[in-house]
Amino acid sequence: MNKLTQTMLGVLLCVAMVVALMPATVAAAGEPVRSELPPITDPPRIPEPPVIIPPYPPEWSPEKGAEILQAIETAERFLQVNPDGTLTLNMPRQAIKSIGEDIYAQLQAALTQSNKMVSQGYLKFDEHFNAQVTEKYLQSIRTAIALDPELSSVVSGVFADGNTIGILTNNGGVNQVTWWGWWGWRLYMCDSTTDDIVTGLLCGIAFTGLFAAALPPAATALGVFAIIQGFAAGMLSHHNQNNTGVRISFLLPMTPVGIDPQ
């Protein structure tokens, strides 16, 4: 066997080995190509997007709160003090259109609540529409607490300062309800109260007992607690990260318009 023949045989042997190692892709002329790859039995699973909990109640957003606050600033130019101490909001049609009919109706409803408090002797407004808590208001809260043994065991004292009702708790916390002008109020929750809500230690019933006497008459404590729970725990914790407590602002009777640290 000469060298040429040996070389050709070597080439044919190499080709035969390569073909033997390759998967058969064509069985015969005219037949479809068959893949020897294992079949895919299950399609790849696409993970579902995570459920994102909004950091605020569904009826409120930072944009909505800012819109209401801007409308209040516009409306206050048309506010008047009546001889009996109540207030009247007389906005011209063009001004009402500028803030929107819905918000205007909300402001009028809020003013009605404030005027009821004035008529009942619980609030006073000065010529600049600043609210002041009366002695009658303070005594009504102290009486409500004294008549509730469970509440009396939690609250160590109640005080009034200008437009604010303060509730002192036995753990050293100070929670406040402040009348923020003619249209709304603010709830100041101390560090421990905020943490107890975030961790679930303070339930709706306990919150009701702590704040019910001091909240505006048209605002139910359980309703306010539900709104506070609507703010995601992370948002409450974020605003309380300096351990100073949280302040939530409401349009009367209990429409949230803002949340920030104390």
Protein backbone atom coordinates (compact mmCIF):
# COMPACT_ATOMS: atom_id res chain seq x y z
CA MET A 1 0.00 0.00 0.00
CA ASN A 2 1.58 3.23 -1.11
CA LYS A 3 1.57 6.48 0.87
CA LEU A 4 -1.25 8.02 -1.20
CA THR A 5 -3.55 5.12 -0.46
CA GLN A 6 -2.68 5.28 3.25
CA THR A 7 -3.45 9.00 3.32
CA MET A 8 -6.85 8.55 1.63
CA LEU A 9 -7.79 5.76 4.02
CA GLY A 10 -6.84 7.96 6.98
CA VAL A 11 -9.05 10.80 5.69
CA LEU A 12 -12.01 8.46 5.14
CA LEU A 13 -11.58 7.03 8.65
CA CYS A 14 -11.62 10.53 10.20
CA VAL A 15 -14.73 11.48 8.25
CA ALA A 16 -16.47 8.27 9.34
CA MET A 17 -15.70 9.02 13.02
CA VAL A 18 -17.02 12.58 12.79
CA VAL A 19 -20.24 11.40 11.12
CA ALA A 20 -20.72 8.75 13.78
CA LEU A 21 -20.44 11.33 16.55
CA MET A 22 -22.86 13.84 14.95
CA PRO A 23 -26.67 13.52 15.55
CA ALA A 24 -28.64 12.39 12.55
CA THR A 25 -30.51 15.32 11.15
CA VAL A 26 -31.73 13.98 7.84
CA ALA A 27 -33.05 10.42 7.52
CA ALA A 28 -33.63 10.39 3.79
CA ALA A 29 -34.18 12.70 0.88
CA GLY A 30 -37.49 14.52 1.16
CA GLU A 31 -38.03 13.72 4.86
CA PRO A 32 -38.28 16.57 7.36
CA VAL A 33 -35.33 17.43 9.50
CA ARG A 34 -35.49 15.73 12.91
CA SER A 35 -33.85 17.25 15.92
CA GLU A 36 -32.34 14.92 18.45
CA LEU A 37 -32.53 17.56 21.21
CA PRO A 38 -34.73 16.56 24.17
CA PRO A 39 -38.29 17.92 23.87
CA ILE A 40 -39.38 20.87 26.02
CA THR A 41 -42.10 19.56 28.25
CA ASP A 42 -42.89 22.76 30.27
CA PRO A 43 -42.66 26.33 29.03
CA PRO A 44 -40.35 28.56 31.05
CA ARG A 45 -42.19 30.21 33.95
CA ILE A 46 -42.26 33.99 33.99
CA PRO A 47 -42.35 35.23 37.58
CA GLU A 48 -45.38 37.33 38.47
CA PRO A 49 -44.66 40.96 39.34
CA PRO A 50 -44.60 41.61 43.08
CA VAL A 51 -47.67 43.13 44.66
CA ILE A 52 -46.80 46.72 45.53
CA ILE A 53 -48.64 48.08 48.56
CA PRO A 54 -49.34 51.80 48.10
CA PRO A 55 -47.76 53.88 50.84
CA TYR A 56 -51.00 55.77 51.47
CA PRO A 57 -54.75 55.15 51.67
CA PRO A 58 -56.54 54.70 48.33
CA GLU A 59 -58.60 57.86 48.83
CA TRP A 60 -55.49 60.01 49.23
CA SER A 61 -52.31 60.80 47.38
CA PRO A 62 -49.65 63.48 47.84
CA GLU A 63 -50.92 65.20 44.69
CA LYS A 64 -54.51 65.21 45.93
CA GLY A 65 -53.45 66.54 49.31
CA ALA A 66 -51.46 69.36 47.69
CA GLU A 67 -54.45 70.22 45.50
CA ILE A 68 -56.72 70.57 48.53
CA LEU A 69 -54.19 72.68 50.44
CA GLN A 70 -53.85 75.00 47.46
CA ALA A 71 -57.64 75.30 47.24
CA ILE A 72 -57.80 76.21 50.94
CA GLU A 73 -55.32 79.02 50.37
CA THR A 74 -57.51 80.35 47.56
CA ALA A 75 -60.75 79.98 49.52
CA GLU A 76 -59.48 81.74 52.62
CA ARG A 77 -59.49 85.07 50.77
CA PHE A 78 -63.29 84.86 50.73
CA LEU A 79 -63.78 83.84 54.37
CA GLN A 80 -65.68 86.10 56.78
CA VAL A 81 -66.30 86.10 60.54
CA ASN A 82 -69.96 86.39 61.53
CA PRO A 83 -71.16 88.30 64.62
CA ASP A 84 -71.86 85.02 66.44
CA GLY A 85 -68.29 83.83 65.90
CA THR A 86 -69.04 81.37 63.11
CA LEU A 87 -67.46 81.71 59.67
CA THR A 88 -68.92 82.10 56.18
CA LEU A 89 -67.26 81.19 52.89
CA ASN A 90 -68.61 83.27 49.99
CA MET A 91 -66.60 82.39 46.90
CA PRO A 92 -67.52 83.88 43.51
CA ARG A 93 -68.33 81.45 40.72
CA GLN A 94 -65.02 82.01 38.93
CA ALA A 95 -63.04 81.20 42.09
CA ILE A 96 -65.12 78.06 42.65
CA LYS A 97 -64.36 76.91 39.11
CA SER A 98 -60.65 77.47 39.70
CA ILE A 99 -60.55 75.00 42.62
CA GLY A 100 -63.23 72.64 41.34
CA GLU A 101 -66.80 72.01 42.45
CA ASP A 102 -65.92 68.85 44.38
CA ILE A 103 -63.22 70.47 46.49
CA TYR A 104 -65.43 73.51 47.08
CA ALA A 105 -68.16 71.22 48.42
CA GLN A 106 -65.60 69.54 50.70
CA LEU A 107 -64.48 72.90 52.07
CA GLN A 108 -68.06 73.98 52.76
CA ALA A 109 -68.71 70.68 54.56
CA ALA A 110 -65.56 71.17 56.63
CA LEU A 111 -66.59 74.70 57.53
CA THR A 112 -70.01 73.43 58.63
CA GLN A 113 -68.29 71.07 61.09
CA SER A 114 -66.16 73.88 62.49
CA ASN A 115 -69.16 76.17 62.86
CA LYS A 116 -70.98 73.45 64.82
CA MET A 117 -68.08 73.34 67.24
CA VAL A 118 -68.28 77.13 67.62
CA SER A 119 -72.04 77.06 68.18
CA GLN A 120 -71.67 74.34 70.81
CA GLY A 121 -69.02 76.36 72.64
CA TYR A 122 -66.04 74.09 71.95
CA LEU A 123 -64.08 76.34 69.56
CA LYS A 124 -63.44 80.02 68.93
CA PHE A 125 -61.99 81.76 65.86
CA ASP A 126 -60.17 85.07 65.86
CA GLU A 127 -60.19 87.67 63.08
CA HIS A 128 -57.43 85.75 61.30
CA PHE A 129 -59.49 82.53 61.37
CA ASN A 130 -57.17 80.89 63.90
CA ALA A 131 -58.92 78.33 66.11
CA GLN A 132 -58.77 78.18 69.89
CA VAL A 133 -59.92 75.32 72.10
CA THR A 134 -62.29 76.39 74.89
CA GLU A 135 -62.39 75.32 78.51
CA LYS A 136 -65.66 73.50 77.77
CA TYR A 137 -63.89 71.36 75.19
CA LEU A 138 -61.09 70.49 77.63
CA GLN A 139 -63.47 69.61 80.47
CA SER A 140 -65.60 67.40 78.21
CA ILE A 141 -62.50 65.33 77.37
CA ARG A 142 -61.44 65.05 80.99
CA THR A 143 -64.94 63.92 81.95
CA ALA A 144 -65.00 61.27 79.20
CA ILE A 145 -61.65 59.90 80.37
CA ALA A 146 -62.67 59.89 84.04
CA LEU A 147 -65.79 57.84 83.22
CA ASP A 148 -63.73 55.17 81.43
CA PRO A 149 -61.64 53.09 83.90
CA GLU A 150 -59.54 51.46 81.16
CA LEU A 151 -58.79 54.81 79.55
CA SER A 152 -58.01 56.36 82.91
CA SER A 153 -55.38 53.67 83.48
CA VAL A 154 -53.61 54.65 80.24
CA VAL A 155 -53.92 58.44 80.22
CA SER A 156 -52.01 60.38 82.86
CA GLY A 157 -53.28 63.83 81.92
CA VAL A 158 -54.98 66.12 79.40
CA PHE A 159 -54.14 69.74 78.64
CA ALA A 160 -55.23 72.51 76.28
CA ASP A 161 -52.90 75.04 74.69
CA GLY A 162 -54.35 77.46 72.14
CA ASN A 163 -55.67 75.31 69.32
CA THR A 164 -54.33 72.03 70.74
CA ILE A 165 -55.60 69.25 72.96
CA GLY A 166 -52.76 67.19 74.45
CA ILE A 167 -53.12 63.67 75.81
CA LEU A 168 -50.36 62.42 78.11
CA THR A 169 -49.89 58.66 78.43
CA ASN A 170 -48.37 56.70 81.27
CA ASN A 171 -45.40 55.64 79.12
CA GLY A 172 -44.36 59.28 78.77
CA GLY A 173 -45.83 59.85 75.32
CA VAL A 174 -47.64 63.02 74.25
CA ASN A 175 -50.35 62.73 71.59
CA GLN A 176 -52.14 65.82 70.31
CA VAL A 177 -55.19 66.85 68.33
CA THR A 178 -54.71 70.32 66.86
CA TRP A 179 -57.34 72.39 65.09
CA TRP A 180 -55.53 73.54 61.97
CA GLY A 181 -57.53 76.63 61.09
CA TRP A 182 -61.17 76.58 60.05
CA TRP A 183 -61.05 73.65 57.67
CA GLY A 184 -59.25 70.80 59.39
CA TRP A 185 -57.21 69.29 62.15
CA ARG A 186 -53.96 67.48 62.77
CA LEU A 187 -53.25 64.32 64.69
CA TYR A 188 -49.83 64.25 66.36
CA MET A 189 -48.85 60.73 67.36
CA CYS A 190 -45.82 60.32 69.57
CA ASP A 191 -43.00 57.91 68.81
CA SER A 192 -44.36 55.07 70.96
CA THR A 193 -47.91 55.35 69.60
CA THR A 194 -46.63 55.30 66.01
CA ASP A 195 -44.45 52.26 66.68
CA ASP A 196 -47.32 50.45 68.38
CA ILE A 197 -49.52 50.96 65.30
CA VAL A 198 -46.75 49.79 62.96
CA THR A 199 -46.08 46.65 65.00
CA GLY A 200 -49.76 45.96 65.63
CA LEU A 201 -49.56 46.44 69.39
CA LEU A 202 -52.11 49.26 69.25
CA CYS A 203 -55.38 47.99 67.79
CA GLY A 204 -58.42 49.96 66.68
CA ILE A 205 -60.20 49.57 70.00
CA ALA A 206 -57.23 50.87 71.98
CA PHE A 207 -56.81 53.76 69.53
CA THR A 208 -60.51 54.56 69.90
CA GLY A 209 -60.13 54.79 73.65
CA LEU A 210 -57.03 56.96 73.42
CA PHE A 211 -58.32 59.53 70.91
CA ALA A 212 -62.11 59.29 70.76
CA ALA A 213 -62.75 62.06 73.27
CA ALA A 214 -60.40 64.53 71.58
CA LEU A 215 -61.28 63.96 67.91
CA PRO A 216 -63.74 66.24 66.09
CA PRO A 217 -67.33 65.01 66.67
CA ALA A 218 -67.85 64.11 63.01
CA ALA A 219 -64.66 62.01 62.88
CA THR A 220 -64.94 58.51 64.31
CA ALA A 221 -61.85 57.16 66.00
CA LEU A 222 -62.17 53.79 64.27
CA GLY A 223 -62.49 55.55 60.92
CA VAL A 224 -59.37 57.60 61.58
CA PHE A 225 -57.51 54.46 62.70
CA ALA A 226 -58.47 52.73 59.44
CA ILE A 227 -57.07 55.68 57.48
CA ILE A 228 -53.83 55.57 59.47
CA GLN A 229 -53.55 51.85 58.77
CA GLY A 230 -54.00 52.72 55.09
CA PHE A 231 -50.61 54.38 55.21
CA ALA A 232 -48.19 51.49 54.72
CA ALA A 233 -46.17 50.60 57.81
CA GLY A 234 -43.00 51.52 55.94
CA MET A 235 -44.26 55.04 55.36
CA LEU A 236 -45.16 55.51 59.03
CA SER A 237 -41.76 54.15 60.05
CA HIS A 238 -40.02 56.40 57.50
CA HIS A 239 -41.58 59.54 58.95
CA ASN A 240 -40.81 58.32 62.45
CA GLN A 241 -37.19 57.41 61.74
CA ASN A 242 -35.92 60.16 64.05
CA ASN A 243 -38.19 58.87 66.83
CA THR A 244 -40.09 62.15 66.97
CA GLY A 245 -43.52 60.82 66.02
CA VAL A 246 -45.78 61.40 63.02
CA ARG A 247 -48.16 64.21 62.11
CA ILE A 248 -51.17 63.49 59.88
CA SER A 249 -53.32 66.36 58.58
CA PHE A 250 -57.04 65.98 57.87
CA LEU A 251 -59.69 67.99 56.10
CA LEU A 252 -62.81 67.84 58.27
CA PRO A 253 -64.19 65.47 59.12
CA MET A 254 -61.43 62.97 58.28
CA THR A 255 -60.07 63.29 54.75
CA PRO A 256 -56.25 62.93 54.91
CA VAL A 257 -54.30 65.71 53.17
CA GLY A 258 -50.75 65.13 54.39
CA ILE A 259 -48.33 63.11 56.52
CA ASP A 260 -44.91 64.17 57.75
CA PRO A 261 -42.58 63.88 60.76
CA GLN A 262 -43.19 65.97 63.83
